[in-house]
Amino acid sequence: MDVMDFGCGTGLVALALQPLVRSVTGIDSSQGMLDVLAAKIARGGLGNVRTLFCDLAQGDVLTGCYDLVVSAMTLHHVREIEPLFAQFARVTAPGGRLCIADLDPDDGQFHDDDTGVFHCGFDRAALRDAFVAAGFEDVRATDAAEVIKPGRDGAMRRFTVFLMTGRKPAVG
């Protein structure tokens, strides 16, 4: 399987998937993060992982064809998700899957600084609608994780993370 990790950062998800798949393309709009991932790839001699700079805010577009598109804790940093989902649908192979992990609504408490944060979590029903509007079917959501950390006000808070998946219809 060929995998895209959108918003890969330093590659935590990409490198976890790497031994299980044919290839992983880590995509991010931060060259610094991609440089860290590239160093990990070089140190590990990983021939099936590559990095790709892509800044959608500057007009870049996603390219390639992937059996699996994943994104972990990145979606809330994307201003407009509908155009992104259209791009995800375009690069997902027929029968392929889109898997998004992100925050449930958090009242703006998760990040200390809102710079680059455009969504304070997501309503699962609304995000499901975005999956369906982009052409994905069999959309499902499940609780994925909890993060316990101080909120913006300093009080310890529990933030929940969901995993939503959808499948692009197979051709024919």
Protein backbone atom coordinates (compact mmCIF):
# COMPACT_ATOMS: atom_id res chain seq x y z
CA MET A 1 0.00 0.00 0.00
CA ASP A 2 1.16 3.54 -0.75
CA VAL A 3 0.45 6.02 2.05
CA MET A 4 0.33 9.80 2.36
CA ASP A 5 0.81 11.30 5.82
CA PHE A 6 -0.56 14.84 5.48
CA GLY A 7 0.85 17.27 8.05
CA CYS A 8 3.46 14.69 8.95
CA GLY A 9 5.57 16.93 11.18
CA THR A 10 8.65 15.00 12.27
CA GLY A 11 7.19 11.71 11.07
CA LEU A 12 5.76 9.95 14.11
CA VAL A 13 2.86 8.42 12.17
CA ALA A 14 4.78 7.98 8.91
CA LEU A 15 7.59 6.08 10.61
CA ALA A 16 5.15 3.88 12.53
CA LEU A 17 3.47 2.90 9.25
CA GLN A 18 6.71 2.52 7.28
CA PRO A 19 7.44 -1.15 8.09
CA LEU A 20 3.89 -2.16 7.16
CA VAL A 21 3.53 -0.56 3.72
CA ARG A 22 5.21 -0.25 0.32
CA SER A 23 5.79 3.50 0.59
CA VAL A 24 5.04 6.53 2.76
CA THR A 25 5.10 10.13 1.57
CA GLY A 26 5.30 12.60 4.45
CA ILE A 27 3.80 15.94 3.42
CA ASP A 28 4.08 19.14 5.43
CA SER A 29 4.17 22.91 4.98
CA SER A 30 7.07 23.26 7.44
CA GLN A 31 10.44 22.68 5.84
CA GLY A 32 11.99 22.48 9.31
CA MET A 33 9.74 19.56 10.28
CA LEU A 34 10.48 17.84 6.96
CA ASP A 35 14.23 18.29 7.55
CA VAL A 36 13.92 16.48 10.90
CA LEU A 37 12.00 13.66 9.21
CA ALA A 38 14.55 13.49 6.38
CA ALA A 39 17.34 13.08 8.94
CA LYS A 40 15.42 10.20 10.57
CA ILE A 41 14.92 8.59 7.15
CA ALA A 42 18.65 8.90 6.39
CA ARG A 43 19.70 7.53 9.81
CA GLY A 44 17.38 4.56 9.40
CA GLY A 45 18.28 3.92 5.76
CA LEU A 46 14.57 3.91 4.95
CA GLY A 47 14.18 3.63 1.20
CA ASN A 48 10.39 3.59 1.23
CA VAL A 49 9.81 6.95 2.97
CA ARG A 50 10.08 10.33 1.31
CA THR A 51 9.24 13.90 2.23
CA LEU A 52 7.37 16.44 0.18
CA PHE A 53 6.90 20.14 0.90
CA CYS A 54 3.37 21.32 0.16
CA ASP A 55 1.84 24.58 1.36
CA LEU A 56 -1.84 24.63 0.46
CA ALA A 57 -2.18 28.19 1.78
CA GLN A 58 0.25 29.27 -0.95
CA GLY A 59 -1.63 27.45 -3.69
CA ASP A 60 0.28 24.17 -3.75
CA VAL A 61 -1.79 21.09 -4.57
CA LEU A 62 -1.51 17.48 -3.47
CA THR A 63 -0.19 15.08 -6.08
CA GLY A 64 0.15 11.34 -6.43
CA CYS A 65 -2.15 8.39 -5.86
CA TYR A 66 -2.40 6.74 -2.45
CA ASP A 67 -4.20 3.72 -1.05
CA LEU A 68 -4.30 5.38 2.36
CA VAL A 69 -4.30 9.06 3.30
CA VAL A 70 -3.76 9.79 6.99
CA SER A 71 -3.61 13.00 8.97
CA ALA A 72 -3.11 13.25 12.71
CA MET A 73 -3.80 16.45 14.65
CA THR A 74 -3.34 18.63 11.57
CA LEU A 75 -6.86 19.37 10.36
CA HIS A 76 -7.53 22.05 12.99
CA HIS A 77 -4.59 23.99 11.49
CA VAL A 78 -6.22 24.09 8.02
CA ARG A 79 -8.34 27.17 7.39
CA GLU A 80 -10.75 25.66 4.85
CA ILE A 81 -11.28 21.93 5.09
CA GLU A 82 -13.67 21.41 2.16
CA PRO A 83 -11.05 22.20 -0.52
CA LEU A 84 -8.58 19.98 1.32
CA PHE A 85 -11.07 17.11 1.38
CA ALA A 86 -11.59 17.55 -2.38
CA GLN A 87 -7.83 17.21 -2.81
CA PHE A 88 -7.78 14.15 -0.53
CA ALA A 89 -10.50 12.58 -2.70
CA ARG A 90 -8.52 13.33 -5.86
CA VAL A 91 -5.32 11.64 -4.61
CA THR A 92 -6.98 8.66 -2.90
CA ALA A 93 -7.03 5.57 -5.11
CA PRO A 94 -10.37 3.92 -5.85
CA GLY A 95 -11.20 1.73 -2.84
CA GLY A 96 -8.62 3.65 -0.77
CA ARG A 97 -9.19 5.12 2.68
CA LEU A 98 -8.97 8.50 4.35
CA CYS A 99 -8.21 8.47 8.08
CA ILE A 100 -8.27 11.69 10.11
CA ALA A 101 -7.43 11.96 13.81
CA ASP A 102 -8.18 15.31 15.41
CA LEU A 103 -9.73 17.08 18.38
CA ASP A 104 -13.30 17.03 19.49
CA PRO A 105 -14.54 20.59 20.26
CA ASP A 106 -12.21 22.05 22.91
CA ASP A 107 -13.41 25.63 23.57
CA GLY A 108 -10.04 26.91 22.37
CA GLN A 109 -8.21 25.47 25.38
CA PHE A 110 -5.90 22.96 23.68
CA HIS A 111 -3.35 25.41 22.29
CA ASP A 112 -1.66 28.08 24.40
CA ASP A 113 -1.29 30.22 21.29
CA ASP A 114 -3.97 30.29 18.59
CA THR A 115 -1.54 31.30 15.83
CA GLY A 116 -2.22 28.94 12.93
CA VAL A 117 -5.23 27.34 14.66
CA PHE A 118 -8.43 27.76 12.67
CA HIS A 119 -10.72 25.27 14.41
CA CYS A 120 -11.18 24.57 18.12
CA GLY A 121 -11.88 20.92 17.44
CA PHE A 122 -14.56 19.44 15.20
CA ASP A 123 -18.13 18.36 15.57
CA ARG A 124 -18.05 14.76 14.36
CA ALA A 125 -21.38 14.97 12.51
CA ALA A 126 -20.25 18.06 10.59
CA LEU A 127 -16.92 16.47 9.72
CA ARG A 128 -18.72 13.31 8.57
CA ASP A 129 -20.71 15.55 6.22
CA ALA A 130 -17.41 16.89 4.82
CA PHE A 131 -16.21 13.32 4.16
CA VAL A 132 -19.46 12.47 2.36
CA ALA A 133 -19.49 15.73 0.36
CA ALA A 134 -15.96 14.87 -0.88
CA GLY A 135 -17.20 11.49 -2.08
CA PHE A 136 -16.14 9.17 0.73
CA GLU A 137 -18.51 6.48 1.97
CA ASP A 138 -18.69 4.07 4.89
CA VAL A 139 -17.66 6.99 7.12
CA ARG A 140 -17.11 6.01 10.75
CA ALA A 141 -15.84 7.77 13.84
CA THR A 142 -14.46 6.37 17.06
CA ASP A 143 -12.75 7.66 20.17
CA ALA A 144 -9.01 7.42 19.57
CA ALA A 145 -7.16 9.01 22.48
CA GLU A 146 -7.21 11.40 25.39
CA VAL A 147 -4.68 14.11 26.05
CA ILE A 148 -4.49 15.42 29.59
CA LYS A 149 -2.62 18.68 29.86
CA PRO A 150 -3.03 22.19 31.20
CA GLY A 151 -5.49 24.29 29.25
CA ARG A 152 -4.87 27.90 28.36
CA ASP A 153 -6.11 28.87 31.84
CA GLY A 154 -3.55 26.58 33.52
CA ALA A 155 -6.10 24.09 34.84
CA MET A 156 -5.58 20.43 33.94
CA ARG A 157 -8.01 19.44 31.22
CA ARG A 158 -8.97 16.32 29.30
CA PHE A 159 -9.01 16.68 25.52
CA THR A 160 -10.46 13.90 23.40
CA VAL A 161 -9.21 12.89 19.98
CA PHE A 162 -11.36 11.02 17.47
CA LEU A 163 -10.45 8.91 14.48
CA MET A 164 -12.72 9.30 11.45
CA THR A 165 -12.35 7.04 8.45
CA GLY A 166 -13.96 6.86 5.04
CA ARG A 167 -13.54 4.83 1.89
CA LYS A 168 -13.41 6.14 -1.66
CA PRO A 169 -15.73 4.06 -3.83
CA ALA A 170 -14.03 1.48 -6.04
CA VAL A 171 -14.33 2.05 -9.76
CA GLY A 172 -17.07 0.08 -11.50
